Amino acid sequence: SINEFFCAERKSPLKIGSVKSNMGHS
């Protein structure tokens, strides 16, 4: 969903991440 909506005609990669990798899922 992020790729389809945010990345159309984007000239540089969209950076993403998740705090769950750092602390787990609260």
PDB file of all heavy atoms in Angstrom:
ATOM      1  N   SER A   1       0.826  -1.216   0.000  1.00  0.00           N
ATOM      2  CA  SER A   1       0.000   0.000   0.000  1.00  0.00           C
ATOM      3  C   SER A   1       0.857   1.261   0.000  1.00  0.00           C
ATOM      4  O   SER A   1       0.553   2.232  -0.695  1.00  0.00           O
ATOM      5  CB  SER A   1      -0.949   0.000   1.203  1.00  0.00           C
ATOM      6  OG  SER A   1      -0.245   0.172   2.425  1.00  0.00           O
ATOM      7  N   ILE A   2       1.952   1.258   0.771  1.00  0.00           N
ATOM      8  CA  ILE A   2       2.842   2.425   0.794  1.00  0.00           C
ATOM      9  C   ILE A   2       3.476   2.627  -0.577  1.00  0.00           C
ATOM     10  O   ILE A   2       3.539   3.748  -1.098  1.00  0.00           O
ATOM     11  CB  ILE A   2       3.938   2.238   1.871  1.00  0.00           C
ATOM     12  CG1 ILE A   2       3.320   2.324   3.271  1.00  0.00           C
ATOM     13  CG2 ILE A   2       5.024   3.307   1.718  1.00  0.00           C
ATOM     14  CD1 ILE A   2       4.298   2.037   4.391  1.00  0.00           C
ATOM     15  N   ASN A   3       3.933   1.549  -1.185  1.00  0.00           N
ATOM     16  CA  ASN A   3       4.578   1.645  -2.492  1.00  0.00           C
ATOM     17  C   ASN A   3       3.623   2.183  -3.544  1.00  0.00           C
ATOM     18  O   ASN A   3       3.973   3.087  -4.332  1.00  0.00           O
ATOM     19  CB  ASN A   3       5.114   0.284  -2.910  1.00  0.00           C
ATOM     20  CG  ASN A   3       5.857   0.325  -4.225  1.00  0.00           C
ATOM     21  OD1 ASN A   3       6.797   1.103  -4.399  1.00  0.00           O
ATOM     22  ND2 ASN A   3       5.450  -0.510  -5.169  1.00  0.00           N
ATOM     23  N   GLU A   4       2.403   1.668  -3.564  1.00  0.00           N
ATOM     24  CA  GLU A   4       1.443   2.066  -4.591  1.00  0.00           C
ATOM     25  C   GLU A   4       0.994   3.523  -4.429  1.00  0.00           C
ATOM     26  O   GLU A   4       0.804   4.223  -5.426  1.00  0.00           O
ATOM     27  CB  GLU A   4       0.230   1.132  -4.570  1.00  0.00           C
ATOM     28  CG  GLU A   4       0.542  -0.275  -5.063  1.00  0.00           C
ATOM     29  CD  GLU A   4      -0.707  -1.135  -5.173  1.00  0.00           C
ATOM     30  OE1 GLU A   4      -1.825  -0.574  -5.092  1.00  0.00           O
ATOM     31  OE2 GLU A   4      -0.567  -2.355  -5.354  1.00  0.00           O
ATOM     32  N   PHE A   5       0.833   3.972  -3.199  1.00  0.00           N
ATOM     33  CA  PHE A   5       0.313   5.334  -3.004  1.00  0.00           C
ATOM     34  C   PHE A   5       1.418   6.387  -2.973  1.00  0.00           C
ATOM     35  O   PHE A   5       1.282   7.452  -3.590  1.00  0.00           O
ATOM     36  CB  PHE A   5      -0.493   5.416  -1.701  1.00  0.00           C
ATOM     37  CG  PHE A   5      -1.064   6.777  -1.454  1.00  0.00           C
ATOM     38  CD1 PHE A   5      -2.213   7.196  -2.112  1.00  0.00           C
ATOM     39  CD2 PHE A   5      -0.459   7.663  -0.569  1.00  0.00           C
ATOM     40  CE1 PHE A   5      -2.739   8.471  -1.896  1.00  0.00           C
ATOM     41  CE2 PHE A   5      -0.973   8.927  -0.343  1.00  0.00           C
ATOM     42  CZ  PHE A   5      -2.127   9.333  -1.012  1.00  0.00           C
ATOM     43  N   PHE A   6       2.501   6.139  -2.259  1.00  0.00           N
ATOM     44  CA  PHE A   6       3.497   7.179  -2.018  1.00  0.00           C
ATOM     45  C   PHE A   6       4.615   7.232  -3.060  1.00  0.00           C
ATOM     46  O   PHE A   6       5.282   8.259  -3.174  1.00  0.00           O
ATOM     47  CB  PHE A   6       4.141   6.979  -0.637  1.00  0.00           C
ATOM     48  CG  PHE A   6       3.231   7.279   0.510  1.00  0.00           C
ATOM     49  CD1 PHE A   6       2.494   6.264   1.104  1.00  0.00           C
ATOM     50  CD2 PHE A   6       3.107   8.566   1.013  1.00  0.00           C
ATOM     51  CE1 PHE A   6       1.646   6.538   2.174  1.00  0.00           C
ATOM     52  CE2 PHE A   6       2.277   8.843   2.077  1.00  0.00           C
ATOM     53  CZ  PHE A   6       1.543   7.832   2.661  1.00  0.00           C
ATOM     54  N   CYS A   7       4.832   6.153  -3.788  1.00  0.00           N
ATOM     55  CA  CYS A   7       6.024   6.087  -4.626  1.00  0.00           C
ATOM     56  C   CYS A   7       5.795   6.388  -6.098  1.00  0.00           C
ATOM     57  O   CYS A   7       6.745   6.373  -6.880  1.00  0.00           O
ATOM     58  CB  CYS A   7       6.685   4.714  -4.476  1.00  0.00           C
ATOM     59  SG  CYS A   7       7.315   4.435  -2.802  1.00  0.00           S
ATOM     60  N   ALA A   8       4.555   6.663  -6.489  1.00  0.00           N
ATOM     61  CA  ALA A   8       4.292   7.029  -7.879  1.00  0.00           C
ATOM     62  C   ALA A   8       4.988   8.348  -8.204  1.00  0.00           C
ATOM     63  O   ALA A   8       4.798   9.355  -7.520  1.00  0.00           O
ATOM     64  CB  ALA A   8       2.781   7.154  -8.108  1.00  0.00           C
ATOM     65  N   GLU A   9       5.819   8.329  -9.220  1.00  0.00           N
ATOM     66  CA  GLU A   9       6.543   9.512  -9.702  1.00  0.00           C
ATOM     67  C   GLU A   9       7.529  10.076  -8.677  1.00  0.00           C
ATOM     68  O   GLU A   9       8.004  11.202  -8.817  1.00  0.00           O
ATOM     69  CB  GLU A   9       5.553  10.619 -10.120  1.00  0.00           C
ATOM     70  CG  GLU A   9       4.591  10.192 -11.210  1.00  0.00           C
ATOM     71  CD  GLU A   9       3.615  11.287 -11.573  1.00  0.00           C
ATOM     72  OE1 GLU A   9       3.767  12.408 -11.050  1.00  0.00           O
ATOM     73  OE2 GLU A   9       2.715  11.026 -12.383  1.00  0.00           O
ATOM     74  N   ARG A  10       7.861   9.297  -7.662  1.00  0.00           N
ATOM     75  CA  ARG A  10       8.862   9.756  -6.692  1.00  0.00           C
ATOM     76  C   ARG A  10      10.257   9.563  -7.293  1.00  0.00           C
ATOM     77  O   ARG A  10      10.581   8.518  -7.830  1.00  0.00           O
ATOM     78  CB  ARG A  10       8.731   8.946  -5.390  1.00  0.00           C
ATOM     79  CG  ARG A  10       9.661   9.414  -4.272  1.00  0.00           C
ATOM     80  CD  ARG A  10       9.433   8.591  -3.019  1.00  0.00           C
ATOM     81  NE  ARG A  10       8.174   8.927  -2.372  1.00  0.00           N
ATOM     82  CZ  ARG A  10       8.051   9.859  -1.434  1.00  0.00           C
ATOM     83  NH1 ARG A  10       9.112  10.543  -1.033  1.00  0.00           N
ATOM     84  NH2 ARG A  10       6.877  10.107  -0.900  1.00  0.00           N
ATOM     85  N   LYS A  11      11.091  10.586  -7.163  1.00  0.00           N
ATOM     86  CA  LYS A  11      12.416  10.564  -7.784  1.00  0.00           C
ATOM     87  C   LYS A  11      13.461   9.847  -6.936  1.00  0.00           C
ATOM     88  O   LYS A  11      14.481   9.395  -7.456  1.00  0.00           O
ATOM     89  CB  LYS A  11      12.864  11.993  -8.081  1.00  0.00           C
ATOM     90  CG  LYS A  11      11.988  12.706  -9.110  1.00  0.00           C
ATOM     91  CD  LYS A  11      12.494  14.107  -9.390  1.00  0.00           C
ATOM     92  CE  LYS A  11      11.617  14.801 -10.426  1.00  0.00           C
ATOM     93  NZ  LYS A  11      12.095  16.177 -10.699  1.00  0.00           N
ATOM     94  N   SER A  12      13.248   9.775  -5.646  1.00  0.00           N
ATOM     95  CA  SER A  12      14.195   9.102  -4.755  1.00  0.00           C
ATOM     96  C   SER A  12      13.430   8.119  -3.878  1.00  0.00           C
ATOM     97  O   SER A  12      12.215   8.268  -3.662  1.00  0.00           O
ATOM     98  CB  SER A  12      14.947  10.117  -3.896  1.00  0.00           C
ATOM     99  OG  SER A  12      14.052  10.894  -3.129  1.00  0.00           O
ATOM    100  N   PRO A  13      14.080   7.100  -3.344  1.00  0.00           N
ATOM    101  CA  PRO A  13      13.387   6.094  -2.526  1.00  0.00           C
ATOM    102  C   PRO A  13      12.735   6.703  -1.291  1.00  0.00           C
ATOM    103  O   PRO A  13      13.275   7.638  -0.686  1.00  0.00           O
ATOM    104  CB  PRO A  13      14.510   5.134  -2.118  1.00  0.00           C
ATOM    105  CG  PRO A  13      15.602   5.350  -3.113  1.00  0.00           C
ATOM    106  CD  PRO A  13      15.519   6.786  -3.500  1.00  0.00           C
ATOM    107  N   LEU A  14      11.580   6.179  -0.928  1.00  0.00           N
ATOM    108  CA  LEU A  14      10.907   6.589   0.304  1.00  0.00           C
ATOM    109  C   LEU A  14      11.446   5.744   1.446  1.00  0.00           C
ATOM    110  O   LEU A  14      11.411   4.512   1.391  1.00  0.00           O
ATOM    111  CB  LEU A  14       9.396   6.400   0.178  1.00  0.00           C
ATOM    112  CG  LEU A  14       8.580   6.629   1.458  1.00  0.00           C
ATOM    113  CD1 LEU A  14       8.746   8.056   1.975  1.00  0.00           C
ATOM    114  CD2 LEU A  14       7.108   6.303   1.226  1.00  0.00           C
ATOM    115  N   LYS A  15      11.938   6.385   2.476  1.00  0.00           N
ATOM    116  CA  LYS A  15      12.514   5.665   3.610  1.00  0.00           C
ATOM    117  C   LYS A  15      11.418   5.271   4.591  1.00  0.00           C
ATOM    118  O   LYS A  15      10.537   6.070   4.903  1.00  0.00           O
ATOM    119  CB  LYS A  15      13.577   6.521   4.298  1.00  0.00           C
ATOM    120  CG  LYS A  15      14.790   6.818   3.418  1.00  0.00           C
ATOM    121  CD  LYS A  15      15.770   7.704   4.125  1.00  0.00           C
ATOM    122  CE  LYS A  15      17.047   7.870   3.307  1.00  0.00           C
ATOM    123  NZ  LYS A  15      16.810   8.473   1.979  1.00  0.00           N
ATOM    124  N   ILE A  16      11.488   4.041   5.075  1.00  0.00           N
ATOM    125  CA  ILE A  16      10.523   3.549   6.053  1.00  0.00           C
ATOM    126  C   ILE A  16      11.256   2.760   7.136  1.00  0.00           C
ATOM    127  O   ILE A  16      12.388   2.314   6.952  1.00  0.00           O
ATOM    128  CB  ILE A  16       9.421   2.668   5.419  1.00  0.00           C
ATOM    129  CG1 ILE A  16      10.018   1.393   4.820  1.00  0.00           C
ATOM    130  CG2 ILE A  16       8.649   3.447   4.364  1.00  0.00           C
ATOM    131  CD1 ILE A  16       8.961   0.428   4.295  1.00  0.00           C
ATOM    132  N   GLY A  17      10.596   2.589   8.262  1.00  0.00           N
ATOM    133  CA  GLY A  17      11.150   1.806   9.360  1.00  0.00           C
ATOM    134  C   GLY A  17      10.061   1.509  10.366  1.00  0.00           C
ATOM    135  O   GLY A  17       8.916   1.960  10.208  1.00  0.00           O
ATOM    136  N   SER A  18      10.394   0.765  11.403  1.00  0.00           N
ATOM    137  CA  SER A  18       9.415   0.403  12.420  1.00  0.00           C
ATOM    138  C   SER A  18      10.090   0.294  13.775  1.00  0.00           C
ATOM    139  O   SER A  18      11.082  -0.426  13.933  1.00  0.00           O
ATOM    140  CB  SER A  18       8.733  -0.923  12.074  1.00  0.00           C
ATOM    141  OG  SER A  18       7.958  -1.385  13.159  1.00  0.00           O
ATOM    142  N   VAL A  19       9.535   0.993  14.762  1.00  0.00           N
ATOM    143  CA  VAL A  19      10.094   0.952  16.117  1.00  0.00           C
ATOM    144  C   VAL A  19       9.975  -0.442  16.735  1.00  0.00           C
ATOM    145  O   VAL A  19      10.663  -0.767  17.699  1.00  0.00           O
ATOM    146  CB  VAL A  19       9.402   2.009  17.006  1.00  0.00           C
ATOM    147  CG1 VAL A  19       7.980   1.563  17.361  1.00  0.00           C
ATOM    148  CG2 VAL A  19      10.209   2.279  18.275  1.00  0.00           C
ATOM    149  N   LYS A  20       9.142  -1.283  16.160  1.00  0.00           N
ATOM    150  CA  LYS A  20       8.966  -2.642  16.695  1.00  0.00           C
ATOM    151  C   LYS A  20      10.229  -3.478  16.547  1.00  0.00           C
ATOM    152  O   LYS A  20      10.415  -4.459  17.263  1.00  0.00           O
ATOM    153  CB  LYS A  20       7.768  -3.300  16.017  1.00  0.00           C
ATOM    154  CG  LYS A  20       6.462  -2.586  16.320  1.00  0.00           C
ATOM    155  CD  LYS A  20       5.318  -3.069  15.471  1.00  0.00           C
ATOM    156  CE  LYS A  20       4.074  -2.220  15.715  1.00  0.00           C
ATOM    157  NZ  LYS A  20       4.242  -0.813  15.318  1.00  0.00           N
ATOM    158  N   SER A  21      11.093  -3.098  15.612  1.00  0.00           N
ATOM    159  CA  SER A  21      12.371  -3.816  15.499  1.00  0.00           C
ATOM    160  C   SER A  21      13.283  -3.481  16.671  1.00  0.00           C
ATOM    161  O   SER A  21      14.175  -4.250  17.011  1.00  0.00           O
ATOM    162  CB  SER A  21      13.065  -3.458  14.180  1.00  0.00           C
ATOM    163  OG  SER A  21      13.598  -2.147  14.219  1.00  0.00           O
ATOM    164  N   ASN A  22      13.058  -2.324  17.286  1.00  0.00           N
ATOM    165  CA  ASN A  22      13.910  -1.865  18.389  1.00  0.00           C
ATOM    166  C   ASN A  22      13.399  -2.305  19.760  1.00  0.00           C
ATOM    167  O   ASN A  22      14.185  -2.587  20.660  1.00  0.00           O
ATOM    168  CB  ASN A  22      14.016  -0.334  18.379  1.00  0.00           C
ATOM    169  CG  ASN A  22      14.434   0.217  17.029  1.00  0.00           C
ATOM    170  OD1 ASN A  22      13.589   0.553  16.221  1.00  0.00           O
ATOM    171  ND2 ASN A  22      15.729   0.303  16.782  1.00  0.00           N
ATOM    172  N   MET A  23      12.073  -2.336  19.918  1.00  0.00           N
ATOM    173  CA  MET A  23      11.512  -2.582  21.252  1.00  0.00           C
ATOM    174  C   MET A  23      10.465  -3.678  21.288  1.00  0.00           C
ATOM    175  O   MET A  23       9.967  -4.019  22.359  1.00  0.00           O
ATOM    176  CB  MET A  23      10.882  -1.290  21.794  1.00  0.00           C
ATOM    177  CG  MET A  23       9.754  -0.734  20.937  1.00  0.00           C
ATOM    178  SD  MET A  23       8.807   0.581  21.729  1.00  0.00           S
ATOM    179  CE  MET A  23       7.796  -0.379  22.858  1.00  0.00           C
ATOM    180  N   GLY A  24      10.116  -4.253  20.153  1.00  0.00           N
ATOM    181  CA  GLY A  24       9.015  -5.203  20.122  1.00  0.00           C
ATOM    182  C   GLY A  24       7.710  -4.480  19.852  1.00  0.00           C
ATOM    183  O   GLY A  24       7.661  -3.259  19.686  1.00  0.00           O
ATOM    184  N   HIS A  25       6.630  -5.244  19.829  1.00  0.00           N
ATOM    185  CA  HIS A  25       5.308  -4.706  19.488  1.00  0.00           C
ATOM    186  C   HIS A  25       4.512  -4.464  20.760  1.00  0.00           C
ATOM    187  O   HIS A  25       4.143  -5.394  21.476  1.00  0.00           O
ATOM    188  CB  HIS A  25       4.592  -5.701  18.582  1.00  0.00           C
ATOM    189  CG  HIS A  25       3.296  -5.207  18.022  1.00  0.00           C
ATOM    190  ND1 HIS A  25       2.856  -3.908  18.170  1.00  0.00           N
ATOM    191  CD2 HIS A  25       2.334  -5.845  17.286  1.00  0.00           C
ATOM    192  CE1 HIS A  25       1.694  -3.756  17.571  1.00  0.00           C
ATOM    193  NE2 HIS A  25       1.360  -4.925  17.023  1.00  0.00           N
ATOM    194  N   SER A  26       4.250  -3.205  21.054  1.00  0.00           N
ATOM    195  CA  SER A  26       3.482  -2.854  22.253  1.00  0.00           C
ATOM    196  C   SER A  26       1.983  -2.829  21.987  1.00  0.00           C
ATOM    197  O   SER A  26       1.216  -2.267  22.782  1.00  0.00           O
ATOM    198  CB  SER A  26       3.946  -1.502  22.804  1.00  0.00           C
ATOM    199  OG  SER A  26       3.847  -0.501  21.811  1.00  0.00           O
TER     200      SER A  26
END
